Amino acid sequence: MGLPKREGGMGFRNLKDFNLALLAKQCWRLIHDPDSLWAWVLKVRYFPNVSFLDAKKGGRAFWAWVSLLEGRDLILNGARWQIMGGQEVRFWMDNWVSDIPAGQPTPPMLADVNMNVRLQSLLIRS
């Protein structure tokens, strides 16, 4: 049924992938329009002290919130930070290096590093 019609199927889309794409689109809107009413309501309810990108599921999360987090994870899986000033980019945790498969550098073994250090603090300003 999921094959294209010309190959003998009925041409149905993969509904799970289609749903994830729509959820990711809503998350993108949430990221780029954080002052909208629905973004404000979600922030107050689910992530009052962190950004949407760092929000957690929580104990009694509504199914719509859990679904949005799946869309967010899809975005984060392929997203990379644009550095600009580096105020928000965490050096060891965020995806910001496109040439490294993991997206971020790996701390040296047995080194005591601050995992939340911001890239801005490591940049040399001239």
PDB file of N, CA and C in Angstrom:
ATOM      1  N   MET A   1       0.823  -1.193   0.000  1.00  0.00           N
ATOM      2  CA  MET A   1       0.000   0.000   0.000  1.00  0.00           C
ATOM      3  C   MET A   1       0.867   1.256   0.000  1.00  0.00           C
ATOM      4  N   GLY A   2       2.060   1.180   0.579  1.00  0.00           N
ATOM      5  CA  GLY A   2       2.903   2.355   0.673  1.00  0.00           C
ATOM      6  C   GLY A   2       3.766   2.597  -0.549  1.00  0.00           C
ATOM      7  N   LEU A   3       3.727   1.681  -1.508  1.00  0.00           N
ATOM      8  CA  LEU A   3       4.502   1.881  -2.734  1.00  0.00           C
ATOM      9  C   LEU A   3       3.839   2.936  -3.605  1.00  0.00           C
ATOM     10  N   PRO A   4       4.617   3.603  -4.482  1.00  0.00           N
ATOM     11  CA  PRO A   4       4.003   4.536  -5.425  1.00  0.00           C
ATOM     12  C   PRO A   4       2.994   3.818  -6.324  1.00  0.00           C
ATOM     13  N   LYS A   5       2.017   4.528  -6.825  1.00  0.00           N
ATOM     14  CA  LYS A   5       0.968   3.929  -7.661  1.00  0.00           C
ATOM     15  C   LYS A   5       1.552   3.257  -8.890  1.00  0.00           C
ATOM     16  N   ARG A   6       2.574   3.841  -9.472  1.00  0.00           N
ATOM     17  CA  ARG A   6       3.160   3.257 -10.694  1.00  0.00           C
ATOM     18  C   ARG A   6       3.880   1.934 -10.418  1.00  0.00           C
ATOM     19  N   GLU A   7       4.118   1.631  -9.134  1.00  0.00           N
ATOM     20  CA  GLU A   7       4.750   0.366  -8.772  1.00  0.00           C
ATOM     21  C   GLU A   7       3.749  -0.608  -8.168  1.00  0.00           C
ATOM     22  N   GLY A   8       2.454  -0.323  -8.309  1.00  0.00           N
ATOM     23  CA  GLY A   8       1.426  -1.241  -7.859  1.00  0.00           C
ATOM     24  C   GLY A   8       0.855  -0.959  -6.488  1.00  0.00           C
ATOM     25  N   GLY A   9       1.300   0.092  -5.830  1.00  0.00           N
ATOM     26  CA  GLY A   9       0.780   0.417  -4.505  1.00  0.00           C
ATOM     27  C   GLY A   9      -0.374   1.406  -4.594  1.00  0.00           C
ATOM     28  N   MET A  10      -0.829   1.846  -3.454  1.00  0.00           N
ATOM     29  CA  MET A  10      -1.931   2.811  -3.409  1.00  0.00           C
ATOM     30  C   MET A  10      -1.427   4.242  -3.224  1.00  0.00           C
ATOM     31  N   GLY A  11      -0.121   4.423  -3.029  1.00  0.00           N
ATOM     32  CA  GLY A  11       0.451   5.756  -2.950  1.00  0.00           C
ATOM     33  C   GLY A  11       0.331   6.439  -1.600  1.00  0.00           C
ATOM     34  N   PHE A  12       0.070   5.667  -0.537  1.00  0.00           N
ATOM     35  CA  PHE A  12      -0.024   6.274   0.793  1.00  0.00           C
ATOM     36  C   PHE A  12       1.356   6.728   1.263  1.00  0.00           C
ATOM     37  N   ARG A  13       1.381   7.839   1.962  1.00  0.00           N
ATOM     38  CA  ARG A  13       2.628   8.310   2.576  1.00  0.00           C
ATOM     39  C   ARG A  13       2.881   7.518   3.848  1.00  0.00           C
ATOM     40  N   ASN A  14       4.130   7.582   4.282  1.00  0.00           N
ATOM     41  CA  ASN A  14       4.459   7.042   5.584  1.00  0.00           C
ATOM     42  C   ASN A  14       3.934   8.054   6.600  1.00  0.00           C
ATOM     43  N   LEU A  15       2.830   7.734   7.256  1.00  0.00           N
ATOM     44  CA  LEU A  15       2.160   8.698   8.121  1.00  0.00           C
ATOM     45  C   LEU A  15       2.993   9.078   9.333  1.00  0.00           C
ATOM     46  N   LYS A  16       3.802   8.169   9.829  1.00  0.00           N
ATOM     47  CA  LYS A  16       4.657   8.503  10.970  1.00  0.00           C
ATOM     48  C   LYS A  16       5.669   9.575  10.572  1.00  0.00           C
ATOM     49  N   ASP A  17       6.326   9.408   9.429  1.00  0.00           N
ATOM     50  CA  ASP A  17       7.292  10.406   8.960  1.00  0.00           C
ATOM     51  C   ASP A  17       6.608  11.732   8.651  1.00  0.00           C
ATOM     52  N   PHE A  18       5.430  11.677   8.070  1.00  0.00           N
ATOM     53  CA  PHE A  18       4.682  12.892   7.746  1.00  0.00           C
ATOM     54  C   PHE A  18       4.305  13.634   9.028  1.00  0.00           C
ATOM     55  N   ASN A  19       3.857  12.901  10.049  1.00  0.00           N
ATOM     56  CA  ASN A  19       3.508  13.503  11.330  1.00  0.00           C
ATOM     57  C   ASN A  19       4.731  14.140  11.990  1.00  0.00           C
ATOM     58  N   LEU A  20       5.874  13.453  11.949  1.00  0.00           N
ATOM     59  CA  LEU A  20       7.093  14.015  12.521  1.00  0.00           C
ATOM     60  C   LEU A  20       7.511  15.292  11.806  1.00  0.00           C
ATOM     61  N   ALA A  21       7.344  15.333  10.507  1.00  0.00           N
ATOM     62  CA  ALA A  21       7.682  16.541   9.751  1.00  0.00           C
ATOM     63  C   ALA A  21       6.787  17.709  10.161  1.00  0.00           C
ATOM     64  N   LEU A  22       5.504  17.454  10.351  1.00  0.00           N
ATOM     65  CA  LEU A  22       4.590  18.515  10.786  1.00  0.00           C
ATOM     66  C   LEU A  22       4.906  18.970  12.212  1.00  0.00           C
ATOM     67  N   LEU A  23       5.266  18.039  13.089  1.00  0.00           N
ATOM     68  CA  LEU A  23       5.652  18.399  14.450  1.00  0.00           C
ATOM     69  C   LEU A  23       6.925  19.245  14.445  1.00  0.00           C
ATOM     70  N   ALA A  24       7.883  18.869  13.606  1.00  0.00           N
ATOM     71  CA  ALA A  24       9.120  19.645  13.505  1.00  0.00           C
ATOM     72  C   ALA A  24       8.834  21.053  12.997  1.00  0.00           C
ATOM     73  N   LYS A  25       7.881  21.195  12.093  1.00  0.00           N
ATOM     74  CA  LYS A  25       7.507  22.512  11.589  1.00  0.00           C
ATOM     75  C   LYS A  25       6.922  23.373  12.710  1.00  0.00           C
ATOM     76  N   GLN A  26       6.107  22.780  13.561  1.00  0.00           N
ATOM     77  CA  GLN A  26       5.543  23.520  14.691  1.00  0.00           C
ATOM     78  C   GLN A  26       6.645  23.911  15.685  1.00  0.00           C
ATOM     79  N   CYS A  27       7.598  23.039  15.886  1.00  0.00           N
ATOM     80  CA  CYS A  27       8.713  23.354  16.777  1.00  0.00           C
ATOM     81  C   CYS A  27       9.557  24.490  16.213  1.00  0.00           C
ATOM     82  N   TRP A  28       9.746  24.480  14.911  1.00  0.00           N
ATOM     83  CA  TRP A  28      10.493  25.559  14.261  1.00  0.00           C
ATOM     84  C   TRP A  28       9.786  26.890  14.478  1.00  0.00           C
ATOM     85  N   ARG A  29       8.470  26.890  14.366  1.00  0.00           N
ATOM     86  CA  ARG A  29       7.698  28.105  14.627  1.00  0.00           C
ATOM     87  C   ARG A  29       7.823  28.529  16.082  1.00  0.00           C
ATOM     88  N   LEU A  30       7.851  27.567  16.978  1.00  0.00           N
ATOM     89  CA  LEU A  30       7.998  27.853  18.404  1.00  0.00           C
ATOM     90  C   LEU A  30       9.362  28.478  18.698  1.00  0.00           C
ATOM     91  N   ILE A  31      10.403  27.992  18.035  1.00  0.00           N
ATOM     92  CA  ILE A  31      11.753  28.521  18.217  1.00  0.00           C
ATOM     93  C   ILE A  31      11.872  29.935  17.657  1.00  0.00           C
ATOM     94  N   HIS A  32      11.282  30.159  16.486  1.00  0.00           N
ATOM     95  CA  HIS A  32      11.442  31.452  15.811  1.00  0.00           C
ATOM     96  C   HIS A  32      10.405  32.500  16.202  1.00  0.00           C
ATOM     97  N   ASP A  33       9.370  32.119  16.886  1.00  0.00           N
ATOM     98  CA  ASP A  33       8.370  33.090  17.345  1.00  0.00           C
ATOM     99  C   ASP A  33       8.044  32.818  18.819  1.00  0.00           C
ATOM    100  N   PRO A  34       9.033  33.019  19.707  1.00  0.00           N
ATOM    101  CA  PRO A  34       8.831  32.678  21.113  1.00  0.00           C
ATOM    102  C   PRO A  34       7.869  33.631  21.836  1.00  0.00           C
ATOM    103  N   ASP A  35       7.480  34.725  21.198  1.00  0.00           N
ATOM    104  CA  ASP A  35       6.567  35.682  21.830  1.00  0.00           C
ATOM    105  C   ASP A  35       5.104  35.432  21.477  1.00  0.00           C
ATOM    106  N   SER A  36       4.829  34.392  20.693  1.00  0.00           N
ATOM    107  CA  SER A  36       3.440  34.091  20.351  1.00  0.00           C
ATOM    108  C   SER A  36       2.708  33.564  21.587  1.00  0.00           C
ATOM    109  N   LEU A  37       1.396  33.633  21.568  1.00  0.00           N
ATOM    110  CA  LEU A  37       0.592  33.212  22.715  1.00  0.00           C
ATOM    111  C   LEU A  37       0.810  31.740  23.042  1.00  0.00           C
ATOM    112  N   TRP A  38       0.777  30.878  22.038  1.00  0.00           N
ATOM    113  CA  TRP A  38       0.907  29.454  22.314  1.00  0.00           C
ATOM    114  C   TRP A  38       2.307  29.116  22.808  1.00  0.00           C
ATOM    115  N   ALA A  39       3.341  29.846  22.331  1.00  0.00           N
ATOM    116  CA  ALA A  39       4.703  29.627  22.826  1.00  0.00           C
ATOM    117  C   ALA A  39       4.798  30.041  24.292  1.00  0.00           C
ATOM    118  N   TRP A  40       4.150  31.142  24.642  1.00  0.00           N
ATOM    119  CA  TRP A  40       4.165  31.630  26.016  1.00  0.00           C
ATOM    120  C   TRP A  40       3.457  30.636  26.942  1.00  0.00           C
ATOM    121  N   VAL A  41       2.313  30.105  26.506  1.00  0.00           N
ATOM    122  CA  VAL A  41       1.567  29.139  27.326  1.00  0.00           C
ATOM    123  C   VAL A  41       2.403  27.876  27.550  1.00  0.00           C
ATOM    124  N   LEU A  42       3.036  27.374  26.500  1.00  0.00           N
ATOM    125  CA  LEU A  42       3.883  26.187  26.648  1.00  0.00           C
ATOM    126  C   LEU A  42       5.065  26.463  27.577  1.00  0.00           C
ATOM    127  N   LYS A  43       5.666  27.643  27.437  1.00  0.00           N
ATOM    128  CA  LYS A  43       6.813  27.982  28.281  1.00  0.00           C
ATOM    129  C   LYS A  43       6.424  28.028  29.754  1.00  0.00           C
ATOM    130  N   VAL A  44       5.313  28.662  30.056  1.00  0.00           N
ATOM    131  CA  VAL A  44       4.868  28.758  31.448  1.00  0.00           C
ATOM    132  C   VAL A  44       4.595  27.371  32.021  1.00  0.00           C
ATOM    133  N   ARG A  45       4.010  26.502  31.225  1.00  0.00           N
ATOM    134  CA  ARG A  45       3.598  25.185  31.710  1.00  0.00           C
ATOM    135  C   ARG A  45       4.740  24.171  31.756  1.00  0.00           C
ATOM    136  N   TYR A  46       5.590  24.148  30.701  1.00  0.00           N
ATOM    137  CA  TYR A  46       6.532  23.041  30.558  1.00  0.00           C
ATOM    138  C   TYR A  46       8.012  23.396  30.698  1.00  0.00           C
ATOM    139  N   PHE A  47       8.407  24.631  30.402  1.00  0.00           N
ATOM    140  CA  PHE A  47       9.835  24.959  30.509  1.00  0.00           C
ATOM    141  C   PHE A  47      10.046  26.404  30.964  1.00  0.00           C
ATOM    142  N   PRO A  48       9.602  26.732  32.181  1.00  0.00           N
ATOM    143  CA  PRO A  48       9.682  28.127  32.644  1.00  0.00           C
ATOM    144  C   PRO A  48      11.102  28.641  32.875  1.00  0.00           C
ATOM    145  N   ASN A  49      12.047  27.761  33.153  1.00  0.00           N
ATOM    146  CA  ASN A  49      13.390  28.215  33.517  1.00  0.00           C
ATOM    147  C   ASN A  49      14.477  27.899  32.492  1.00  0.00           C
ATOM    148  N   VAL A  50      14.108  27.264  31.380  1.00  0.00           N
ATOM    149  CA  VAL A  50      15.083  26.907  30.343  1.00  0.00           C
ATOM    150  C   VAL A  50      14.513  27.266  28.980  1.00  0.00           C
ATOM    151  N   SER A  51      15.329  27.122  27.951  1.00  0.00           N
ATOM    152  CA  SER A  51      14.833  27.351  26.595  1.00  0.00           C
ATOM    153  C   SER A  51      14.091  26.108  26.096  1.00  0.00           C
ATOM    154  N   PHE A  52      13.352  26.261  25.022  1.00  0.00           N
ATOM    155  CA  PHE A  52      12.632  25.136  24.426  1.00  0.00           C
ATOM    156  C   PHE A  52      13.604  24.031  24.015  1.00  0.00           C
ATOM    157  N   LEU A  53      14.789  24.409  23.564  1.00  0.00           N
ATOM    158  CA  LEU A  53      15.768  23.420  23.123  1.00  0.00           C
ATOM    159  C   LEU A  53      16.286  22.561  24.270  1.00  0.00           C
ATOM    160  N   ASP A  54      16.213  23.072  25.501  1.00  0.00           N
ATOM    161  CA  ASP A  54      16.697  22.327  26.663  1.00  0.00           C
ATOM    162  C   ASP A  54      15.574  21.749  27.517  1.00  0.00           C
ATOM    163  N   ALA A  55      14.324  21.924  27.110  1.00  0.00           N
ATOM    164  CA  ALA A  55      13.177  21.489  27.903  1.00  0.00           C
ATOM    165  C   ALA A  55      13.137  19.967  28.029  1.00  0.00           C
ATOM    166  N   LYS A  56      12.637  19.507  29.159  1.00  0.00           N
ATOM    167  CA  LYS A  56      12.493  18.078  29.432  1.00  0.00           C
ATOM    168  C   LYS A  56      11.023  17.675  29.368  1.00  0.00           C
ATOM    169  N   LYS A  57      10.784  16.386  29.331  1.00  0.00           N
ATOM    170  CA  LYS A  57       9.423  15.868  29.223  1.00  0.00           C
ATOM    171  C   LYS A  57       8.602  16.123  30.478  1.00  0.00           C
ATOM    172  N   GLY A  58       9.155  15.872  31.636  1.00  0.00           N
ATOM    173  CA  GLY A  58       8.411  16.041  32.882  1.00  0.00           C
ATOM    174  C   GLY A  58       7.611  14.801  33.227  1.00  0.00           C
ATOM    175  N   GLY A  59       7.044  14.791  34.413  1.00  0.00           N
ATOM    176  CA  GLY A  59       6.349  13.622  34.917  1.00  0.00           C
ATOM    177  C   GLY A  59       4.962  13.400  34.353  1.00  0.00           C
ATOM    178  N   ARG A  60       4.155  14.441  34.294  1.00  0.00           N
ATOM    179  CA  ARG A  60       2.774  14.304  33.832  1.00  0.00           C
ATOM    180  C   ARG A  60       2.547  15.147  32.585  1.00  0.00           C
ATOM    181  N   ALA A  61       3.354  14.923  31.585  1.00  0.00           N
ATOM    182  CA  ALA A  61       3.291  15.717  30.372  1.00  0.00           C
ATOM    183  C   ALA A  61       2.092  15.316  29.510  1.00  0.00           C
ATOM    184  N   PHE A  62       1.469  16.305  28.926  1.00  0.00           N
ATOM    185  CA  PHE A  62       0.355  16.114  28.006  1.00  0.00           C
ATOM    186  C   PHE A  62       0.887  15.502  26.717  1.00  0.00           C
ATOM    187  N   TRP A  63       0.106  14.680  26.022  1.00  0.00           N
ATOM    188  CA  TRP A  63       0.574  13.971  24.833  1.00  0.00           C
ATOM    189  C   TRP A  63       1.036  14.934  23.748  1.00  0.00           C
ATOM    190  N   ALA A  64       0.413  16.111  23.649  1.00  0.00           N
ATOM    191  CA  ALA A  64       0.821  17.084  22.628  1.00  0.00           C
ATOM    192  C   ALA A  64       2.237  17.597  22.917  1.00  0.00           C
ATOM    193  N   TRP A  65       2.571  17.793  24.198  1.00  0.00           N
ATOM    194  CA  TRP A  65       3.907  18.249  24.574  1.00  0.00           C
ATOM    195  C   TRP A  65       4.948  17.174  24.251  1.00  0.00           C
ATOM    196  N   VAL A  66       4.631  15.933  24.564  1.00  0.00           N
ATOM    197  CA  VAL A  66       5.545  14.833  24.264  1.00  0.00           C
ATOM    198  C   VAL A  66       5.763  14.730  22.751  1.00  0.00           C
ATOM    199  N   SER A  67       4.716  14.930  21.978  1.00  0.00           N
ATOM    200  CA  SER A  67       4.838  14.898  20.521  1.00  0.00           C
ATOM    201  C   SER A  67       5.714  16.029  20.013  1.00  0.00           C
ATOM    202  N   LEU A  68       5.543  17.228  20.576  1.00  0.00           N
ATOM    203  CA  LEU A  68       6.388  18.358  20.178  1.00  0.00           C
ATOM    204  C   LEU A  68       7.861  18.077  20.475  1.00  0.00           C
ATOM    205  N   LEU A  69       8.125  17.409  21.580  1.00  0.00           N
ATOM    206  CA  LEU A  69       9.512  17.087  21.908  1.00  0.00           C
ATOM    207  C   LEU A  69      10.121  16.128  20.888  1.00  0.00           C
ATOM    208  N   GLU A  70       9.312  15.246  20.315  1.00  0.00           N
ATOM    209  CA  GLU A  70       9.806  14.369  19.251  1.00  0.00           C
ATOM    210  C   GLU A  70      10.172  15.181  18.016  1.00  0.00           C
ATOM    211  N   GLY A  71       9.338  16.182  17.690  1.00  0.00           N
ATOM    212  CA  GLY A  71       9.652  17.069  16.567  1.00  0.00           C
ATOM    213  C   GLY A  71      10.901  17.880  16.841  1.00  0.00           C
ATOM    214  N   ARG A  72      11.067  18.343  18.080  1.00  0.00           N
ATOM    215  CA  ARG A  72      12.269  19.094  18.455  1.00  0.00           C
ATOM    216  C   ARG A  72      13.517  18.228  18.316  1.00  0.00           C
ATOM    217  N   ASP A  73      13.414  16.970  18.732  1.00  0.00           N
ATOM    218  CA  ASP A  73      14.558  16.074  18.624  1.00  0.00           C
ATOM    219  C   ASP A  73      14.940  15.832  17.166  1.00  0.00           C
ATOM    220  N   LEU A  74      13.951  15.792  16.293  1.00  0.00           N
ATOM    221  CA  LEU A  74      14.221  15.643  14.864  1.00  0.00           C
ATOM    222  C   LEU A  74      15.001  16.849  14.348  1.00  0.00           C
ATOM    223  N   ILE A  75      14.611  18.042  14.772  1.00  0.00           N
ATOM    224  CA  ILE A  75      15.324  19.258  14.367  1.00  0.00           C
ATOM    225  C   ILE A  75      16.743  19.241  14.923  1.00  0.00           C
ATOM    226  N   LEU A  76      16.879  18.939  16.203  1.00  0.00           N
ATOM    227  CA  LEU A  76      18.196  18.970  16.839  1.00  0.00           C
ATOM    228  C   LEU A  76      19.136  17.910  16.274  1.00  0.00           C
ATOM    229  N   ASN A  77      18.584  16.829  15.767  1.00  0.00           N
ATOM    230  CA  ASN A  77      19.401  15.767  15.205  1.00  0.00           C
ATOM    231  C   ASN A  77      20.194  16.243  13.993  1.00  0.00           C
ATOM    232  N   GLY A  78      19.615  17.155  13.223  1.00  0.00           N
ATOM    233  CA  GLY A  78      20.303  17.625  12.021  1.00  0.00           C
ATOM    234  C   GLY A  78      20.736  19.078  12.068  1.00  0.00           C
ATOM    235  N   ALA A  79      20.440  19.752  13.160  1.00  0.00           N
ATOM    236  CA  ALA A  79      20.744  21.184  13.241  1.00  0.00           C
ATOM    237  C   ALA A  79      22.172  21.432  13.720  1.00  0.00           C
ATOM    238  N   ARG A  80      22.725  22.547  13.287  1.00  0.00           N
ATOM    239  CA  ARG A  80      24.018  23.027  13.758  1.00  0.00           C
ATOM    240  C   ARG A  80      23.859  24.492  14.137  1.00  0.00           C
ATOM    241  N   TRP A  81      24.561  24.911  15.173  1.00  0.00           N
ATOM    242  CA  TRP A  81      24.518  26.301  15.606  1.00  0.00           C
ATOM    243  C   TRP A  81      25.275  27.180  14.620  1.00  0.00           C
ATOM    244  N   GLN A  82      24.759  28.376  14.390  1.00  0.00           N
ATOM    245  CA  GLN A  82      25.501  29.414  13.687  1.00  0.00           C
ATOM    246  C   GLN A  82      26.149  30.249  14.789  1.00  0.00           C
ATOM    247  N   ILE A  83      27.455  30.367  14.779  1.00  0.00           N
ATOM    248  CA  ILE A  83      28.179  30.866  15.936  1.00  0.00           C
ATOM    249  C   ILE A  83      27.886  32.326  16.271  1.00  0.00           C
ATOM    250  N   MET A  84      27.966  33.236  15.353  1.00  0.00           N
ATOM    251  CA  MET A  84      27.775  34.669  15.622  1.00  0.00           C
ATOM    252  C   MET A  84      28.679  35.079  16.788  1.00  0.00           C
ATOM    253  N   GLY A  85      28.120  35.365  17.973  1.00  0.00           N
ATOM    254  CA  GLY A  85      28.934  35.786  19.110  1.00  0.00           C
ATOM    255  C   GLY A  85      29.273  34.658  20.061  1.00  0.00           C
ATOM    256  N   GLY A  86      28.574  33.533  19.962  1.00  0.00           N
ATOM    257  CA  GLY A  86      28.845  32.375  20.799  1.00  0.00           C
ATOM    258  C   GLY A  86      28.269  32.443  22.197  1.00  0.00           C
ATOM    259  N   GLN A  87      27.349  33.395  22.466  1.00  0.00           N
ATOM    260  CA  GLN A  87      26.800  33.541  23.814  1.00  0.00           C
ATOM    261  C   GLN A  87      25.959  32.344  24.230  1.00  0.00           C
ATOM    262  N   GLU A  88      25.253  31.730  23.315  1.00  0.00           N
ATOM    263  CA  GLU A  88      24.331  30.646  23.668  1.00  0.00           C
ATOM    264  C   GLU A  88      24.888  29.258  23.408  1.00  0.00           C
ATOM    265  N   VAL A  89      25.981  29.160  22.657  1.00  0.00           N
ATOM    266  CA  VAL A  89      26.505  27.859  22.245  1.00  0.00           C
ATOM    267  C   VAL A  89      27.384  27.264  23.348  1.00  0.00           C
ATOM    268  N   ARG A  90      26.998  26.072  23.803  1.00  0.00           N
ATOM    269  CA  ARG A  90      27.804  25.352  24.793  1.00  0.00           C
ATOM    270  C   ARG A  90      28.876  24.559  24.047  1.00  0.00           C
ATOM    271  N   PHE A  91      30.128  24.825  24.361  1.00  0.00           N
ATOM    272  CA  PHE A  91      31.266  24.266  23.635  1.00  0.00           C
ATOM    273  C   PHE A  91      31.236  22.750  23.561  1.00  0.00           C
ATOM    274  N   TRP A  92      31.000  22.080  24.679  1.00  0.00           N
ATOM    275  CA  TRP A  92      31.089  20.623  24.740  1.00  0.00           C
ATOM    276  C   TRP A  92      29.771  19.921  24.452  1.00  0.00           C
ATOM    277  N   MET A  93      28.632  20.611  24.487  1.00  0.00           N
ATOM    278  CA  MET A  93      27.338  19.929  24.412  1.00  0.00           C
ATOM    279  C   MET A  93      26.530  20.197  23.146  1.00  0.00           C
ATOM    280  N   ASP A  94      26.674  21.363  22.533  1.00  0.00           N
ATOM    281  CA  ASP A  94      25.838  21.722  21.384  1.00  0.00           C
ATOM    282  C   ASP A  94      26.497  21.329  20.067  1.00  0.00           C
ATOM    283  N   ASN A  95      25.674  21.047  19.065  1.00  0.00           N
ATOM    284  CA  ASN A  95      26.168  20.734  17.729  1.00  0.00           C
ATOM    285  C   ASN A  95      26.555  22.033  17.030  1.00  0.00           C
ATOM    286  N   TRP A  96      27.849  22.262  16.857  1.00  0.00           N
ATOM    287  CA  TRP A  96      28.286  23.498  16.213  1.00  0.00           C
ATOM    288  C   TRP A  96      29.429  23.282  15.242  1.00  0.00           C
ATOM    289  N   VAL A  97      30.055  22.114  15.230  1.00  0.00           N
ATOM    290  CA  VAL A  97      31.168  21.834  14.322  1.00  0.00           C
ATOM    291  C   VAL A  97      30.661  20.891  13.231  1.00  0.00           C
ATOM    292  N   SER A  98      30.595  21.381  12.010  1.00  0.00           N
ATOM    293  CA  SER A  98      30.016  20.565  10.937  1.00  0.00           C
ATOM    294  C   SER A  98      30.938  19.443  10.473  1.00  0.00           C
ATOM    295  N   ASP A  99      32.240  19.538  10.706  1.00  0.00           N
ATOM    296  CA  ASP A  99      33.179  18.519  10.228  1.00  0.00           C
ATOM    297  C   ASP A  99      33.312  17.316  11.168  1.00  0.00           C
ATOM    298  N   ILE A 100      32.715  17.401  12.353  1.00  0.00           N
ATOM    299  CA  ILE A 100      32.767  16.296  13.313  1.00  0.00           C
ATOM    300  C   ILE A 100      31.415  15.590  13.294  1.00  0.00           C
ATOM    301  N   PRO A 101      31.389  14.270  13.095  1.00  0.00           N
ATOM    302  CA  PRO A 101      30.098  13.563  13.027  1.00  0.00           C
ATOM    303  C   PRO A 101      29.191  13.809  14.234  1.00  0.00           C
ATOM    304  N   ALA A 102      29.756  13.879  15.429  1.00  0.00           N
ATOM    305  CA  ALA A 102      28.943  14.110  16.622  1.00  0.00           C
ATOM    306  C   ALA A 102      28.467  15.562  16.703  1.00  0.00           C
ATOM    307  N   GLY A 103      29.144  16.482  16.009  1.00  0.00           N
ATOM    308  CA  GLY A 103      28.741  17.878  15.994  1.00  0.00           C
ATOM    309  C   GLY A 103      29.410  18.743  17.025  1.00  0.00           C
ATOM    310  N   GLN A 104      30.021  18.133  18.028  1.00  0.00           N
ATOM    311  CA  GLN A 104      30.719  18.897  19.055  1.00  0.00           C
ATOM    312  C   GLN A 104      32.014  18.178  19.413  1.00  0.00           C
ATOM    313  N   PRO A 105      33.010  18.926  19.917  1.00  0.00           N
ATOM    314  CA  PRO A 105      34.264  18.286  20.315  1.00  0.00           C
ATOM    315  C   PRO A 105      34.048  17.360  21.511  1.00  0.00           C
ATOM    316  N   THR A 106      34.927  16.400  21.670  1.00  0.00           N
ATOM    317  CA  THR A 106      34.883  15.487  22.802  1.00  0.00           C
ATOM    318  C   THR A 106      35.921  15.925  23.825  1.00  0.00           C
ATOM    319  N   PRO A 107      35.537  16.052  25.094  1.00  0.00           N
ATOM    320  CA  PRO A 107      36.512  16.456  26.111  1.00  0.00           C
ATOM    321  C   PRO A 107      37.635  15.430  26.230  1.00  0.00           C
ATOM    322  N   PRO A 108      38.833  15.886  26.568  1.00  0.00           N
ATOM    323  CA  PRO A 108      39.945  14.942  26.755  1.00  0.00           C
ATOM    324  C   PRO A 108      39.648  13.967  27.886  1.00  0.00           C
ATOM    325  N   MET A 109      40.159  12.775  27.765  1.00  0.00           N
ATOM    326  CA  MET A 109      39.956  11.755  28.793  1.00  0.00           C
ATOM    327  C   MET A 109      40.515  12.225  30.134  1.00  0.00           C
ATOM    328  N   LEU A 110      39.791  11.935  31.181  1.00  0.00           N
ATOM    329  CA  LEU A 110      40.183  12.236  32.551  1.00  0.00           C
ATOM    330  C   LEU A 110      40.364  13.723  32.834  1.00  0.00           C
ATOM    331  N   ALA A 111      39.908  14.577  31.934  1.00  0.00           N
ATOM    332  CA  ALA A 111      40.013  16.017  32.170  1.00  0.00           C
ATOM    333  C   ALA A 111      38.763  16.501  32.890  1.00  0.00           C
ATOM    334  N   ASP A 112      38.954  17.385  33.834  1.00  0.00           N
ATOM    335  CA  ASP A 112      37.842  17.972  34.566  1.00  0.00           C
ATOM    336  C   ASP A 112      37.424  19.252  33.836  1.00  0.00           C
ATOM    337  N   VAL A 113      36.370  19.157  33.023  1.00  0.00           N
ATOM    338  CA  VAL A 113      35.927  20.306  32.225  1.00  0.00           C
ATOM    339  C   VAL A 113      34.507  20.690  32.617  1.00  0.00           C
ATOM    340  N   ASN A 114      34.206  21.957  32.477  1.00  0.00           N
ATOM    341  CA  ASN A 114      32.854  22.460  32.688  1.00  0.00           C
ATOM    342  C   ASN A 114      32.065  22.195  31.409  1.00  0.00           C
ATOM    343  N   MET A 115      31.117  21.270  31.457  1.00  0.00           N
ATOM    344  CA  MET A 115      30.366  20.886  30.263  1.00  0.00           C
ATOM    345  C   MET A 115      29.464  22.010  29.747  1.00  0.00           C
ATOM    346  N   ASN A 116      29.150  22.995  30.588  1.00  0.00           N
ATOM    347  CA  ASN A 116      28.269  24.085  30.178  1.00  0.00           C
ATOM    348  C   ASN A 116      29.011  25.354  29.784  1.00  0.00           C
ATOM    349  N   VAL A 117      30.336  25.273  29.621  1.00  0.00           N
ATOM    350  CA  VAL A 117      31.099  26.471  29.251  1.00  0.00           C
ATOM    351  C   VAL A 117      30.618  26.956  27.874  1.00  0.00           C
ATOM    352  N   ARG A 118      30.412  28.253  27.766  1.00  0.00           N
ATOM    353  CA  ARG A 118      29.926  28.855  26.513  1.00  0.00           C
ATOM    354  C   ARG A 118      31.095  29.134  25.581  1.00  0.00           C
ATOM    355  N   LEU A 119      30.842  29.014  24.305  1.00  0.00           N
ATOM    356  CA  LEU A 119      31.871  29.233  23.296  1.00  0.00           C
ATOM    357  C   LEU A 119      32.415  30.654  23.377  1.00  0.00           C
ATOM    358  N   GLN A 120      31.595  31.618  23.720  1.00  0.00           N
ATOM    359  CA  GLN A 120      32.005  33.010  23.809  1.00  0.00           C
ATOM    360  C   GLN A 120      33.179  33.187  24.768  1.00  0.00           C
ATOM    361  N   SER A 121      33.177  32.449  25.872  1.00  0.00           N
ATOM    362  CA  SER A 121      34.248  32.596  26.860  1.00  0.00           C
ATOM    363  C   SER A 121      35.579  32.043  26.363  1.00  0.00           C
ATOM    364  N   LEU A 122      35.560  31.250  25.289  1.00  0.00           N
ATOM    365  CA  LEU A 122      36.778  30.671  24.757  1.00  0.00           C
ATOM    366  C   LEU A 122      37.302  31.409  23.535  1.00  0.00           C
ATOM    367  N   LEU A 123      36.505  32.334  23.001  1.00  0.00           N
ATOM    368  CA  LEU A 123      36.930  33.080  21.815  1.00  0.00           C
ATOM    369  C   LEU A 123      37.901  34.179  22.201  1.00  0.00           C
ATOM    370  N   ILE A 124      38.905  34.379  21.360  1.00  0.00           N
ATOM    371  CA  ILE A 124      39.872  35.463  21.561  1.00  0.00           C
ATOM    372  C   ILE A 124      39.393  36.659  20.763  1.00  0.00           C
ATOM    373  N   ARG A 125      39.137  37.755  21.449  1.00  0.00           N
ATOM    374  CA  ARG A 125      38.671  38.981  20.808  1.00  0.00           C
ATOM    375  C   ARG A 125      39.887  39.868  20.515  1.00  0.00           C
ATOM    376  N   SER A 126      39.914  40.414  19.317  1.00  0.00           N
ATOM    377  CA  SER A 126      41.024  41.324  18.990  1.00  0.00           C
ATOM    378  C   SER A 126      40.525  42.749  18.835  1.00  0.00           C
TER     379      SER A 126
END
